[in-house]
Amino acid sequence: MASKAAYKRLTKEYLALQKSPPPFITARPLDSNILEWHYVIRGPPDTPYHNGWYWGKLVFPSDYPFKPPSIRMSTPSGRFQTDTRLCLTMSDFHPSSWNPSWSVATILNGLLSFMVTDETTTGSIKTTDAEKRIYAARSQKFNLSSSKFRDIFPELCHVENIRPADTDSRSSNGHLNQRRGRPSTNANPVALAAAQIVADTGATATTTVQQNKQSPFSQWRRWLLVLVVCVYLILTKISSRSNMDPSNAGSS
C-alpha cells in the first residue's frame, strides 16, 4: 500500500505526464494500484526499434520517492529479456545511486536512452539490428494479444489512433502516399497491415463482381429466374380469365 507521500508524489507526476508527455513515451498507473505503472515506449526513428511499441511496467516501493522502482519490459524487443527486472542506475538494483528528485519521466527517458545503446546489463540480450526490426514489426501484435494491455491502453488498440513514432511522419512522401491511397512507409506496422487488409478485401470484392458478370452460370440463373416469373404471370392471368368466364360460372 502506498504511503501518503508516495500517493501524493505519483499523483502529481501522473498529472504532469498527462499535461506534457515525454516524446515517444506513454505511462499511467493502474486504477487499482498507484504503485504499479505501465508504459509504452515507441521506437524512435533512425534506430532499429523504429515503429516498435514496447510495453512494460514500473513497480514502485511504498516509500517512493525515497527508493527506486523495479523496471521490466514485457514486449519482445531484441534488447531486453521479457518480464525480467532490469539492472539500471534508476532501478531497484542500485538503491544507493537513486536520487529522490528523479521522476517517472526521468526513469522512462533513461530507459529509452539505455535501450538504444549497445551497453549490456542484467536483463539485456544481444541481437542484430535486423532481428530488432523484426521484433519492432511484431510488437503491436504481441501487445494486442494481451487483455491487460488492452484494458490499460484502450486508445492504442484502435488503428486509427495509433501514431507513428517518427514525428516527421507528415513528410511530403507521406502526404503523397496518402493522396494516392497508399499507406506511408513511415506508418505503424499495424496500420500498414490494416490498410493492406482493406485493400485486399476491396480487390477481392471487385474480382468477385467481375467474375459474376462474366460467369455463364450466373447469367443462366438470371434467365431461369426471368423465365419462372414469366410462367407464373401467364398462369396467373389464365386462372383469372377462367374464373371470370360466365360459362364456368353457370356450370357450377
Protein backbone atom coordinates (compact mmCIF):
# COMPACT_ATOMS: atom_id res chain seq x y z
CA MET A 1 0.00 0.00 0.00
CA ALA A 2 1.33 3.41 -0.96
CA SER A 3 2.33 5.82 1.76
CA LYS A 4 0.74 9.23 1.79
CA ALA A 5 3.94 10.77 0.40
CA ALA A 6 4.15 8.17 -2.39
CA TYR A 7 0.50 8.60 -3.32
CA LYS A 8 0.81 12.38 -3.46
CA ARG A 9 4.05 12.27 -5.45
CA LEU A 10 2.83 9.72 -8.01
CA THR A 11 -0.48 11.53 -8.47
CA LYS A 12 1.39 14.75 -9.16
CA GLU A 13 3.68 13.00 -11.65
CA TYR A 14 0.74 11.42 -13.46
CA LEU A 15 -0.91 14.81 -13.91
CA ALA A 16 2.39 16.23 -15.18
CA LEU A 17 2.76 13.38 -17.70
CA GLN A 18 -0.75 13.95 -18.97
CA LYS A 19 -0.10 17.65 -19.41
CA SER A 20 3.32 17.28 -21.03
CA PRO A 21 4.14 13.69 -22.08
CA PRO A 22 7.78 12.96 -22.98
CA PRO A 23 8.50 12.16 -26.63
CA PHE A 24 7.90 8.51 -27.54
CA ILE A 25 6.57 7.65 -24.07
CA THR A 26 3.10 6.90 -22.66
CA ALA A 27 2.72 5.92 -19.00
CA ARG A 28 -0.01 5.61 -16.38
CA PRO A 29 -0.70 3.81 -13.09
CA LEU A 30 -3.27 1.09 -12.59
CA ASP A 31 -6.61 2.34 -11.32
CA SER A 32 -6.45 -0.25 -8.55
CA ASN A 33 -2.80 0.33 -7.53
CA ILE A 34 -0.97 3.60 -7.96
CA LEU A 35 2.35 1.86 -7.21
CA GLU A 36 2.13 -0.19 -10.44
CA TRP A 37 2.67 1.85 -13.59
CA HIS A 38 2.57 0.63 -17.17
CA TYR A 39 4.37 2.34 -20.01
CA VAL A 40 4.66 2.12 -23.78
CA ILE A 41 7.84 3.28 -25.50
CA ARG A 42 7.58 3.97 -29.22
CA GLY A 43 10.78 3.21 -31.07
CA PRO A 44 12.44 6.44 -32.25
CA PRO A 45 13.38 6.96 -35.89
CA ASP A 46 16.92 6.18 -37.02
CA THR A 47 17.01 3.20 -34.64
CA PRO A 48 16.25 -0.49 -35.23
CA TYR A 49 13.28 -0.02 -32.88
CA HIS A 50 11.55 2.46 -35.19
CA ASN A 51 7.76 1.92 -35.26
CA GLY A 52 8.02 -0.62 -32.44
CA TRP A 53 5.66 -0.36 -29.45
CA TYR A 54 7.31 -1.62 -26.27
CA TRP A 55 5.11 -2.24 -23.27
CA GLY A 56 6.44 -2.70 -19.76
CA LYS A 57 5.86 -1.78 -16.14
CA LEU A 58 7.37 0.05 -13.18
CA VAL A 59 6.63 -1.16 -9.66
CA PHE A 60 7.28 1.49 -7.02
CA PRO A 61 8.01 0.80 -3.36
CA SER A 62 5.51 2.06 -0.81
CA ASP A 63 8.02 4.68 0.39
CA TYR A 64 8.71 6.16 -3.06
CA PRO A 65 10.33 8.62 -3.87
CA PHE A 66 12.94 7.63 -1.31
CA LYS A 67 13.55 4.28 -3.00
CA PRO A 68 13.64 3.40 -6.73
CA PRO A 69 11.17 1.19 -8.65
CA SER A 70 11.75 -2.09 -10.40
CA ILE A 71 11.71 -1.89 -14.20
CA ARG A 72 10.51 -4.58 -16.59
CA MET A 73 9.65 -4.80 -20.30
CA SER A 74 7.02 -7.27 -21.49
CA THR A 75 7.15 -6.76 -25.27
CA PRO A 76 9.94 -8.72 -27.00
CA SER A 77 12.40 -6.14 -28.28
CA GLY A 78 15.64 -7.94 -29.02
CA ARG A 79 17.21 -5.70 -26.35
CA PHE A 80 15.84 -6.94 -23.03
CA GLN A 81 14.61 -10.22 -21.62
CA THR A 82 10.85 -10.09 -21.26
CA ASP A 83 9.29 -9.65 -17.81
CA THR A 84 12.71 -9.55 -16.17
CA ARG A 85 13.97 -6.96 -13.68
CA LEU A 86 16.40 -4.70 -15.46
CA CYS A 87 19.59 -3.51 -13.85
CA LEU A 88 19.75 0.23 -14.49
CA THR A 89 21.06 3.16 -12.49
CA MET A 90 17.50 4.27 -11.76
CA SER A 91 16.14 0.82 -10.87
CA ASP A 92 15.94 -1.06 -7.59
CA PHE A 93 19.19 -2.82 -8.49
CA HIS A 94 21.05 0.34 -7.41
CA PRO A 95 19.24 1.91 -4.45
CA SER A 96 22.41 3.66 -3.35
CA SER A 97 22.58 5.65 -6.60
CA TRP A 98 18.91 6.63 -6.55
CA ASN A 99 18.02 10.31 -6.44
CA PRO A 100 14.56 11.14 -4.94
CA SER A 101 14.24 14.07 -7.34
CA TRP A 102 14.06 11.67 -10.28
CA SER A 103 10.55 11.22 -11.63
CA VAL A 104 8.65 8.67 -13.73
CA ALA A 105 9.50 10.71 -16.81
CA THR A 106 13.19 10.69 -15.81
CA ILE A 107 13.14 6.92 -15.33
CA LEU A 108 11.48 6.19 -18.67
CA ASN A 109 13.65 8.64 -20.57
CA GLY A 110 16.65 6.91 -19.01
CA LEU A 111 15.29 3.51 -20.04
CA LEU A 112 14.78 4.71 -23.61
CA SER A 113 18.27 6.21 -23.75
CA PHE A 114 19.80 2.97 -22.49
CA MET A 115 17.66 0.89 -24.84
CA VAL A 116 19.06 2.49 -27.99
CA THR A 117 22.67 1.86 -26.91
CA ASP A 118 24.63 -1.39 -27.03
CA GLU A 119 25.57 -1.41 -23.35
CA THR A 120 25.00 -4.67 -21.52
CA THR A 121 23.43 -5.16 -18.12
CA THR A 122 21.44 -7.69 -16.15
CA GLY A 123 18.33 -8.43 -18.19
CA SER A 124 19.75 -7.29 -21.53
CA ILE A 125 20.34 -9.54 -24.55
CA LYS A 126 22.28 -9.23 -27.78
CA THR A 127 20.62 -9.44 -31.19
CA THR A 128 21.31 -8.00 -34.63
CA ASP A 129 19.65 -4.83 -35.90
CA ALA A 130 17.74 -6.95 -38.41
CA GLU A 131 16.32 -9.05 -35.59
CA LYS A 132 15.36 -5.92 -33.65
CA ARG A 133 13.46 -4.62 -36.69
CA ILE A 134 11.55 -7.90 -36.88
CA TYR A 135 10.63 -7.58 -33.21
CA ALA A 136 9.56 -3.97 -33.83
CA ALA A 137 7.25 -5.03 -36.66
CA ARG A 138 5.65 -7.69 -34.45
CA SER A 139 5.48 -5.63 -31.26
CA GLN A 140 1.97 -4.22 -31.52
CA LYS A 141 0.52 -7.60 -32.47
CA PHE A 142 2.09 -9.01 -29.33
CA ASN A 143 0.69 -6.17 -27.21
CA LEU A 144 -2.82 -6.53 -28.61
CA SER A 145 -2.83 -10.24 -27.75
CA SER A 146 -2.78 -9.28 -24.05
CA SER A 147 -6.10 -8.42 -22.42
CA LYS A 148 -4.21 -6.48 -19.74
CA PHE A 149 -2.61 -4.25 -22.36
CA ARG A 150 -5.98 -3.68 -24.00
CA ASP A 151 -7.51 -2.73 -20.66
CA ILE A 152 -4.74 -0.30 -19.72
CA PHE A 153 -4.18 1.29 -23.13
CA PRO A 154 -7.52 1.08 -24.99
CA GLU A 155 -6.61 4.08 -27.13
CA LEU A 156 -3.62 2.16 -28.53
CA CYS A 157 -5.86 -0.73 -29.61
CA HIS A 158 -7.52 1.27 -32.39
CA VAL A 159 -5.54 1.51 -35.61
CA GLU A 160 -6.84 4.98 -36.39
CA ASN A 161 -5.48 6.28 -33.06
CA ILE A 162 -2.01 4.77 -33.40
CA ARG A 163 0.57 7.37 -34.31
CA PRO A 164 3.93 6.58 -35.86
CA ALA A 165 6.90 7.14 -33.58
CA ASP A 166 8.50 9.34 -36.19
CA THR A 167 7.41 12.91 -35.52
CA ASP A 168 8.34 13.72 -39.11
CA SER A 169 5.80 11.24 -40.49
CA ARG A 170 3.91 14.11 -42.10
CA SER A 171 6.60 14.42 -44.72
CA SER A 172 5.88 15.12 -48.34
CA ASN A 173 6.34 11.45 -49.16
CA GLY A 174 3.77 10.52 -46.52
CA HIS A 175 1.26 13.03 -47.91
CA LEU A 176 1.92 11.82 -51.44
CA ASN A 177 1.28 8.21 -50.46
CA GLN A 178 -1.91 9.18 -48.67
CA ARG A 179 -3.18 11.15 -51.66
CA ARG A 180 -2.52 8.17 -53.88
CA GLY A 181 -4.41 5.88 -51.49
CA ARG A 182 -1.31 4.03 -50.29
CA PRO A 183 -0.11 3.84 -46.67
CA SER A 184 3.00 5.84 -45.88
CA THR A 185 6.18 3.83 -45.38
CA ASN A 186 6.55 5.62 -42.05
CA ALA A 187 3.28 4.22 -40.77
CA ASN A 188 2.92 1.91 -37.82
CA PRO A 189 3.16 -1.80 -38.83
CA VAL A 190 -0.35 -2.49 -37.52
CA ALA A 191 -1.72 0.41 -39.53
CA LEU A 192 0.07 -0.88 -42.63
CA ALA A 193 -1.35 -4.35 -42.06
CA ALA A 194 -4.86 -2.99 -41.58
CA ALA A 195 -4.58 -0.88 -44.72
CA GLN A 196 -3.36 -3.91 -46.64
CA ILE A 197 -6.30 -5.99 -45.39
CA VAL A 198 -8.73 -3.30 -46.51
CA ALA A 199 -7.02 -3.09 -49.90
CA ASP A 200 -7.05 -6.87 -50.32
CA THR A 201 -10.71 -7.06 -49.32
CA GLY A 202 -11.63 -4.40 -51.86
CA ALA A 203 -9.66 -6.16 -54.57
CA THR A 204 -11.35 -9.46 -53.74
CA ALA A 205 -14.81 -7.88 -53.86
CA THR A 206 -14.06 -6.26 -57.23
CA THR A 207 -12.79 -9.55 -58.63
CA THR A 208 -15.91 -11.35 -57.39
CA VAL A 209 -18.21 -8.81 -59.06
CA GLN A 210 -16.30 -9.10 -62.32
CA GLN A 211 -16.48 -12.88 -62.17
CA ASN A 212 -20.21 -12.77 -61.53
CA LYS A 213 -20.67 -10.51 -64.52
CA GLN A 214 -18.71 -12.82 -66.78
CA SER A 215 -19.85 -16.19 -65.42
CA PRO A 216 -22.16 -18.12 -67.82
CA PHE A 217 -23.64 -19.95 -64.84
CA SER A 218 -24.71 -16.67 -63.23
CA GLN A 219 -26.25 -15.48 -66.50
CA TRP A 220 -28.11 -18.80 -66.82
CA ARG A 221 -29.53 -18.42 -63.32
CA ARG A 222 -30.78 -14.93 -64.11
CA TRP A 223 -32.51 -16.12 -67.30
CA LEU A 224 -34.05 -19.04 -65.41
CA LEU A 225 -35.43 -16.63 -62.83
CA VAL A 226 -36.92 -14.44 -65.57
CA LEU A 227 -38.49 -17.50 -67.19
CA VAL A 228 -40.06 -18.67 -63.92
CA VAL A 229 -41.52 -15.22 -63.31
CA CYS A 230 -42.98 -15.09 -66.84
CA VAL A 231 -44.54 -18.53 -66.50
CA TYR A 232 -46.03 -17.53 -63.16
CA LEU A 233 -47.56 -14.37 -64.61
CA ILE A 234 -49.02 -16.28 -67.57
CA LEU A 235 -50.58 -18.96 -65.35
CA THR A 236 -51.98 -16.27 -63.05
CA LYS A 237 -53.60 -14.48 -66.00
CA ILE A 238 -55.11 -17.70 -67.39
CA SER A 239 -56.50 -18.57 -63.97
CA SER A 240 -58.01 -15.10 -63.62
CA ARG A 241 -59.74 -15.31 -67.02
CA SER A 242 -61.04 -18.78 -66.20
CA ASN A 243 -62.68 -17.51 -63.01
CA MET A 244 -64.34 -14.66 -64.90
CA ASP A 245 -65.81 -16.88 -67.72
CA PRO A 246 -69.69 -16.92 -67.41
CA SER A 247 -69.94 -20.47 -68.83
CA ASN A 248 -67.76 -21.72 -66.00
CA ALA A 249 -69.97 -19.85 -63.52
CA GLY A 250 -73.19 -21.44 -64.97
CA SER A 251 -71.82 -24.97 -64.97
CA SER A 252 -71.05 -24.70 -61.30
